[in-house]
Amino acid sequence: MHRLVFAAALVCASGACEVLGTGPGRASDNRAPVAVGEIAPLALWWLEADMDIAVSPYFRDPDGDSLTFAATLVSGSGPATRPLPAYGDFVVLRPIAARPTATVVVTASDPGGLTARQRFGVTVKALNSPINPNRPLRTAPITATQIRLGRDSLIDLHQHFTGPRLSFHAWATSGRVNVSVVNDTLRLRGREVGTARVTVTASNQTAGGPVEQRFYVVVAPAHASPNRPPALLEGLNSKLVPPGFRFRQDVSAYFADPDGDVLAFTAASTEPERATVKLVGSAVVVEATAPGSAAILVTATDPGGLPAYGGIKVVIR
């Protein structure tokens, strides 16, 4: 019969890391995980989207055990705590919940119940200047659309832009589509089978601009079946990772096709010298190679050529 022991606690002098034995283990064959380095303090804007923070690189298990992670948010204004979502190598932080300051406590647990902890501070900054209420803004994105040859499609631009006294302009990259704006309505006419990209701008004379939206139009033969574009169901969280870290993100769950079509995916990095990307089925595999930031652009395309877009912002430090 093995003698039961409790792992001793190790607390760094800076208060950034701890190793805590929270459960019994075998003295002969289970050692507690340990904290590796420190997770640096984080500064965010309060309007930013949720951020997935890679925490697995900051822990190590001397026995090679797989670790699971949990996290709590400790408010800077009081003792209140709340659990944060965690999955795989990441914990999920919502900036608006952490404002103006907070501490995140991350716990790594091995299968025997032994744990290690890391703490890092979060500062959430407000905008320095108010948004001009007269400035034109994009609202709902204009999605890709199919038009049959010789047919028209009408788009109400006030469904996609907002602002006082807006004026609109539009043009296409190809004569396959005839483009015109009448008052606040965009009229598209299919003139030749193929694909064109359309740009629409909105501006006014009181707040400058313009702001723009771009989308693709596929002109199909006159007898073609109707085709609706795929859609991005929800945004993909940004990622905060250290250099050398690799992660995998299945993007298929973030897109849907209303016609039930099978979607094809592509992915590209805006900064391949900082983050490389490859596609494995419907999963993007991203490797962070150098400090900085990059956007991973994901495109889902249906068999009729209509695309939908998503992106993953990757911050590497």
Protein backbone atom coordinates (compact mmCIF):
# COMPACT_ATOMS: atom_id res chain seq x y z
CA MET A 1 0.00 0.00 0.00
CA HIS A 2 1.38 3.39 -0.99
CA ARG A 3 1.82 6.10 1.56
CA LEU A 4 -0.35 9.18 0.80
CA VAL A 5 1.32 12.58 0.79
CA PHE A 6 0.37 16.10 -0.16
CA ALA A 7 2.56 18.08 -2.53
CA ALA A 8 4.29 21.06 -0.95
CA ALA A 9 3.30 24.56 -2.01
CA LEU A 10 5.74 26.71 -3.97
CA VAL A 11 4.97 30.43 -4.17
CA CYS A 12 7.18 32.74 -6.23
CA ALA A 13 8.40 35.82 -4.42
CA SER A 14 6.84 38.06 -7.07
CA GLY A 15 3.44 36.45 -6.49
CA ALA A 16 3.17 35.57 -10.20
CA CYS A 17 3.30 31.81 -9.88
CA GLU A 18 2.43 29.08 -7.41
CA VAL A 19 2.53 25.33 -7.20
CA LEU A 20 -0.18 23.96 -4.94
CA GLY A 21 -0.97 20.36 -3.97
CA THR A 22 -4.73 20.29 -3.69
CA GLY A 23 -5.18 16.55 -3.54
CA PRO A 24 -3.46 13.37 -2.38
CA GLY A 25 -0.94 11.73 -4.64
CA ARG A 26 1.57 8.93 -4.61
CA ALA A 27 4.95 10.04 -3.37
CA SER A 28 6.64 7.57 -5.73
CA ASP A 29 4.97 8.29 -9.05
CA ASN A 30 3.14 11.62 -9.25
CA ARG A 31 4.68 15.05 -9.15
CA ALA A 32 2.82 18.34 -9.32
CA PRO A 33 2.85 20.48 -12.47
CA VAL A 34 4.99 23.59 -12.33
CA ALA A 35 4.63 27.13 -13.62
CA VAL A 36 7.05 28.10 -16.40
CA GLY A 37 7.97 31.77 -16.72
CA GLU A 38 5.28 34.38 -16.22
CA ILE A 39 2.26 35.48 -18.25
CA ALA A 40 2.90 39.16 -18.95
CA PRO A 41 0.28 41.79 -18.00
CA LEU A 42 -2.25 42.49 -20.72
CA ALA A 43 -3.76 45.80 -21.92
CA LEU A 44 -6.91 45.83 -24.07
CA TRP A 45 -9.56 48.23 -25.38
CA TRP A 46 -12.92 47.70 -23.71
CA LEU A 47 -14.75 47.42 -27.05
CA GLU A 48 -12.51 44.60 -28.28
CA ALA A 49 -14.00 41.18 -28.95
CA ASP A 50 -13.35 38.21 -26.70
CA MET A 51 -9.72 37.04 -26.65
CA ASP A 52 -8.48 33.46 -26.31
CA ILE A 53 -5.27 33.46 -24.26
CA ALA A 54 -2.87 30.54 -24.64
CA VAL A 55 -1.92 29.37 -21.14
CA SER A 56 -0.50 25.88 -21.74
CA PRO A 57 3.00 27.19 -22.67
CA TYR A 58 3.31 28.58 -19.13
CA PHE A 59 3.02 25.23 -17.37
CA ARG A 60 4.92 21.95 -17.46
CA ASP A 61 4.24 18.57 -15.92
CA PRO A 62 7.42 16.73 -14.86
CA ASP A 63 5.69 13.36 -15.40
CA GLY A 64 4.51 14.27 -18.90
CA ASP A 65 0.86 14.20 -17.82
CA SER A 66 -1.78 16.06 -19.84
CA LEU A 67 -2.94 19.17 -18.01
CA THR A 68 -6.35 20.75 -17.87
CA PHE A 69 -6.86 24.46 -17.26
CA ALA A 70 -9.34 26.63 -15.41
CA ALA A 71 -9.34 30.37 -14.76
CA THR A 72 -11.08 32.95 -12.62
CA LEU A 73 -11.31 36.71 -13.01
CA VAL A 74 -10.70 38.74 -9.85
CA SER A 75 -12.10 42.27 -10.08
CA GLY A 76 -9.70 45.10 -9.30
CA SER A 77 -12.47 47.00 -7.52
CA GLY A 78 -13.36 44.29 -5.03
CA PRO A 79 -13.07 40.65 -4.00
CA ALA A 80 -15.68 39.38 -6.46
CA THR A 81 -14.52 36.53 -8.69
CA ARG A 82 -16.05 34.84 -11.68
CA PRO A 83 -15.02 31.77 -13.69
CA LEU A 84 -13.72 32.25 -17.21
CA PRO A 85 -14.46 29.83 -20.05
CA ALA A 86 -11.54 27.52 -20.84
CA TYR A 87 -10.94 24.98 -23.60
CA GLY A 88 -7.88 23.07 -24.68
CA ASP A 89 -4.81 25.29 -24.34
CA PHE A 90 -6.81 28.53 -23.91
CA VAL A 91 -8.82 30.57 -21.46
CA VAL A 92 -11.30 33.13 -22.81
CA LEU A 93 -11.27 36.75 -21.64
CA ARG A 94 -13.99 39.29 -22.36
CA PRO A 95 -12.44 42.79 -22.05
CA ILE A 96 -15.66 44.51 -21.00
CA ALA A 97 -15.91 42.13 -18.02
CA ALA A 98 -12.38 43.00 -16.85
CA ARG A 99 -12.61 46.80 -16.96
CA PRO A 100 -10.90 48.83 -15.72
CA THR A 101 -8.46 46.44 -14.00
CA ALA A 102 -8.56 42.81 -12.97
CA THR A 103 -6.39 39.80 -12.22
CA VAL A 104 -6.72 36.47 -13.99
CA VAL A 105 -5.79 33.38 -11.96
CA VAL A 106 -5.03 30.32 -14.11
CA THR A 107 -4.93 26.84 -12.56
CA ALA A 108 -3.34 23.85 -14.28
CA SER A 109 -4.35 20.42 -12.95
CA ASP A 110 -2.86 17.00 -13.59
CA PRO A 111 -4.94 13.77 -13.59
CA GLY A 112 -3.99 13.15 -9.95
CA GLY A 113 -5.45 16.46 -8.79
CA LEU A 114 -2.15 18.28 -8.23
CA THR A 115 -2.11 21.86 -9.46
CA ALA A 116 0.00 24.87 -10.35
CA ARG A 117 -1.11 28.47 -10.77
CA GLN A 118 -0.19 31.61 -12.63
CA ARG A 119 -1.56 35.12 -12.21
CA PHE A 120 -1.49 38.05 -14.63
CA GLY A 121 -3.00 41.52 -14.59
CA VAL A 122 -5.43 42.96 -17.12
CA THR A 123 -5.99 46.66 -17.83
CA VAL A 124 -8.90 47.65 -20.05
CA LYS A 125 -8.65 51.09 -21.65
CA ALA A 126 -11.50 53.31 -22.78
CA LEU A 127 -11.45 55.32 -26.01
CA ASN A 128 -9.74 58.69 -25.62
CA SER A 129 -12.19 60.55 -27.84
CA PRO A 130 -15.91 60.03 -28.49
CA ILE A 131 -17.10 58.67 -31.81
CA ASN A 132 -18.46 61.37 -34.12
CA PRO A 133 -22.21 60.62 -34.28
CA ASN A 134 -22.38 62.06 -37.81
CA ARG A 135 -19.72 59.78 -39.22
CA PRO A 136 -20.95 57.20 -41.76
CA LEU A 137 -20.74 53.67 -40.40
CA ARG A 138 -21.01 50.18 -41.84
CA THR A 139 -23.75 48.08 -40.28
CA ALA A 140 -24.85 44.72 -41.74
CA PRO A 141 -22.37 43.41 -44.32
CA ILE A 142 -23.49 43.12 -47.93
CA THR A 143 -23.24 39.43 -48.69
CA ALA A 144 -22.20 37.83 -51.96
CA THR A 145 -25.10 37.39 -54.34
CA GLN A 146 -26.08 35.45 -57.44
CA ILE A 147 -27.85 37.15 -60.35
CA ARG A 148 -29.20 35.34 -63.37
CA LEU A 149 -28.08 36.60 -66.74
CA GLY A 150 -30.24 39.54 -67.86
CA ARG A 151 -31.92 39.89 -64.45
CA ASP A 152 -31.75 42.64 -61.83
CA SER A 153 -31.10 42.57 -58.09
CA LEU A 154 -31.95 45.49 -55.80
CA ILE A 155 -30.23 46.23 -52.46
CA ASP A 156 -31.46 48.82 -49.93
CA LEU A 157 -28.21 50.46 -48.85
CA HIS A 158 -29.69 51.89 -45.65
CA GLN A 159 -29.76 48.30 -44.43
CA HIS A 160 -25.96 48.25 -44.65
CA PHE A 161 -24.85 51.80 -43.75
CA THR A 162 -25.97 54.36 -41.19
CA GLY A 163 -25.45 58.10 -40.79
CA PRO A 164 -27.17 61.39 -41.60
CA ARG A 165 -27.65 62.55 -45.20
CA LEU A 166 -25.67 59.76 -46.81
CA SER A 167 -24.75 59.72 -50.47
CA PHE A 168 -23.78 56.45 -52.15
CA HIS A 169 -21.53 55.48 -55.03
CA ALA A 170 -20.82 52.03 -56.47
CA TRP A 171 -18.76 50.38 -59.18
CA ALA A 172 -17.76 46.89 -60.34
CA THR A 173 -14.42 45.40 -61.34
CA SER A 174 -15.93 43.84 -64.47
CA GLY A 175 -18.48 44.68 -67.12
CA ARG A 176 -20.18 41.36 -66.32
CA VAL A 177 -22.29 43.35 -63.85
CA ASN A 178 -23.91 46.70 -64.54
CA VAL A 179 -24.02 48.80 -61.34
CA SER A 180 -26.07 51.91 -60.59
CA VAL A 181 -27.40 53.75 -57.54
CA VAL A 182 -30.85 55.37 -57.57
CA ASN A 183 -31.46 57.33 -54.38
CA ASP A 184 -30.57 54.76 -51.68
CA THR A 185 -31.01 51.63 -53.80
CA LEU A 186 -28.21 49.71 -55.46
CA ARG A 187 -29.26 48.08 -58.73
CA LEU A 188 -27.24 45.18 -60.12
CA ARG A 189 -27.85 43.71 -63.59
CA GLY A 190 -26.17 40.56 -64.87
CA ARG A 191 -24.71 41.19 -68.34
CA GLU A 192 -22.26 38.29 -68.79
CA VAL A 193 -21.78 34.96 -67.02
CA GLY A 194 -18.91 35.18 -64.52
CA THR A 195 -17.84 36.90 -61.30
CA ALA A 196 -17.25 40.55 -60.42
CA ARG A 197 -16.43 42.40 -57.22
CA VAL A 198 -18.62 45.38 -56.37
CA THR A 199 -17.57 48.27 -54.11
CA VAL A 200 -20.11 50.57 -52.44
CA THR A 201 -19.14 53.76 -50.60
CA ALA A 202 -21.19 55.93 -48.24
CA SER A 203 -20.25 59.50 -47.33
CA ASN A 204 -21.72 62.79 -46.17
CA GLN A 205 -20.53 66.38 -46.10
CA THR A 206 -20.60 66.84 -42.32
CA ALA A 207 -18.30 64.07 -41.12
CA GLY A 208 -16.19 63.13 -44.09
CA GLY A 209 -15.68 59.56 -45.13
CA PRO A 210 -16.24 57.61 -47.18
CA VAL A 211 -16.71 54.16 -45.69
CA GLU A 212 -17.02 51.23 -48.02
CA GLN A 213 -18.16 47.65 -48.37
CA ARG A 214 -17.04 45.14 -50.97
CA PHE A 215 -18.81 41.98 -52.05
CA TYR A 216 -18.84 39.49 -54.92
CA VAL A 217 -21.55 39.03 -57.53
CA VAL A 218 -21.82 35.81 -59.51
CA VAL A 219 -23.74 36.11 -62.79
CA ALA A 220 -25.25 32.69 -63.50
CA PRO A 221 -26.90 31.41 -66.70
CA ALA A 222 -30.55 32.35 -67.12
CA HIS A 223 -31.72 28.77 -66.38
CA ALA A 224 -29.51 28.30 -63.26
CA SER A 225 -31.10 27.24 -59.98
CA PRO A 226 -31.28 29.90 -57.27
CA ASN A 227 -28.27 29.97 -54.99
CA ARG A 228 -27.91 31.73 -51.65
CA PRO A 229 -24.51 32.59 -50.15
CA PRO A 230 -23.00 30.95 -47.08
CA ALA A 231 -22.85 33.06 -43.94
CA LEU A 232 -20.50 33.60 -41.03
CA LEU A 233 -22.55 32.61 -37.99
CA GLU A 234 -20.34 34.26 -35.40
CA GLY A 235 -16.96 35.93 -35.22
CA LEU A 236 -13.85 33.96 -34.35
CA ASN A 237 -12.11 35.12 -31.18
CA SER A 238 -8.72 36.75 -31.41
CA LYS A 239 -5.78 34.75 -30.02
CA LEU A 240 -2.92 35.81 -27.74
CA VAL A 241 -0.01 33.37 -28.04
CA PRO A 242 3.77 33.29 -27.45
CA PRO A 243 6.29 32.87 -30.29
CA GLY A 244 6.73 29.23 -31.26
CA PHE A 245 3.18 28.26 -30.27
CA ARG A 246 0.99 26.34 -32.71
CA PHE A 247 -2.76 26.03 -32.53
CA ARG A 248 -5.54 24.43 -34.55
CA GLN A 249 -8.97 25.98 -35.15
CA ASP A 250 -11.82 24.13 -36.85
CA VAL A 251 -13.71 26.84 -38.75
CA SER A 252 -16.54 24.74 -40.16
CA ALA A 253 -18.78 25.40 -37.13
CA TYR A 254 -18.59 29.16 -37.75
CA PHE A 255 -20.08 29.03 -41.27
CA ALA A 256 -23.39 27.72 -42.59
CA ASP A 257 -24.97 27.44 -46.01
CA PRO A 258 -28.74 28.04 -46.23
CA ASP A 259 -29.02 25.67 -49.19
CA GLY A 260 -27.16 22.86 -47.41
CA ASP A 261 -24.23 23.04 -49.83
CA VAL A 262 -20.84 21.61 -48.86
CA LEU A 263 -18.41 24.47 -48.33
CA ALA A 264 -14.77 24.66 -49.41
CA PHE A 265 -12.35 26.58 -47.21
CA THR A 266 -9.19 28.57 -47.85
CA ALA A 267 -7.00 30.47 -45.40
CA ALA A 268 -4.19 33.01 -45.68
CA SER A 269 -2.04 35.05 -43.29
CA THR A 270 -1.61 38.79 -43.74
CA GLU A 271 1.81 38.57 -42.06
CA PRO A 272 3.35 35.20 -42.97
CA GLU A 273 6.68 36.23 -41.46
CA ARG A 274 4.92 36.40 -38.07
CA ALA A 275 2.25 33.72 -38.36
CA THR A 276 2.04 30.93 -40.92
CA VAL A 277 -1.16 29.08 -41.73
CA LYS A 278 -2.09 25.85 -43.48
CA LEU A 279 -5.46 24.22 -43.99
CA VAL A 280 -6.18 20.64 -42.93
CA GLY A 281 -9.71 19.81 -44.01
CA SER A 282 -11.84 22.49 -42.36
CA ALA A 283 -9.24 23.30 -39.71
CA VAL A 284 -6.64 26.06 -39.91
CA VAL A 285 -3.30 25.32 -38.27
CA VAL A 286 -1.51 28.51 -37.25
CA GLU A 287 2.10 28.71 -36.07
CA ALA A 288 3.33 31.89 -34.39
CA THR A 289 6.90 32.56 -35.48
CA ALA A 290 7.75 36.13 -34.42
CA PRO A 291 6.36 38.86 -32.12
CA GLY A 292 3.73 41.16 -33.61
CA SER A 293 0.27 40.60 -34.96
CA ALA A 294 -1.33 39.01 -37.99
CA ALA A 295 -4.80 38.34 -39.35
CA ILE A 296 -5.74 34.87 -40.55
CA LEU A 297 -8.31 35.37 -43.32
CA VAL A 298 -10.71 32.46 -43.82
CA THR A 299 -12.96 32.10 -46.87
CA ALA A 300 -15.84 29.61 -47.16
CA THR A 301 -17.12 29.15 -50.73
CA ASP A 302 -20.15 27.21 -51.94
CA PRO A 303 -20.18 25.19 -55.20
CA GLY A 304 -21.80 28.14 -57.00
CA GLY A 305 -18.83 30.39 -56.23
CA LEU A 306 -20.47 32.52 -53.52
CA PRO A 307 -18.08 33.26 -50.63
CA ALA A 308 -18.35 34.23 -46.98
CA TYR A 309 -15.47 35.58 -44.92
CA GLY A 310 -14.14 35.35 -41.39
CA GLY A 311 -10.90 36.21 -39.68
CA ILE A 312 -8.75 35.40 -36.65
CA LYS A 313 -6.59 38.15 -35.20
CA VAL A 314 -3.40 36.65 -33.76
CA VAL A 315 -1.31 38.67 -31.29
CA ILE A 316 2.15 37.18 -30.65
CA ARG A 317 4.24 38.25 -27.68
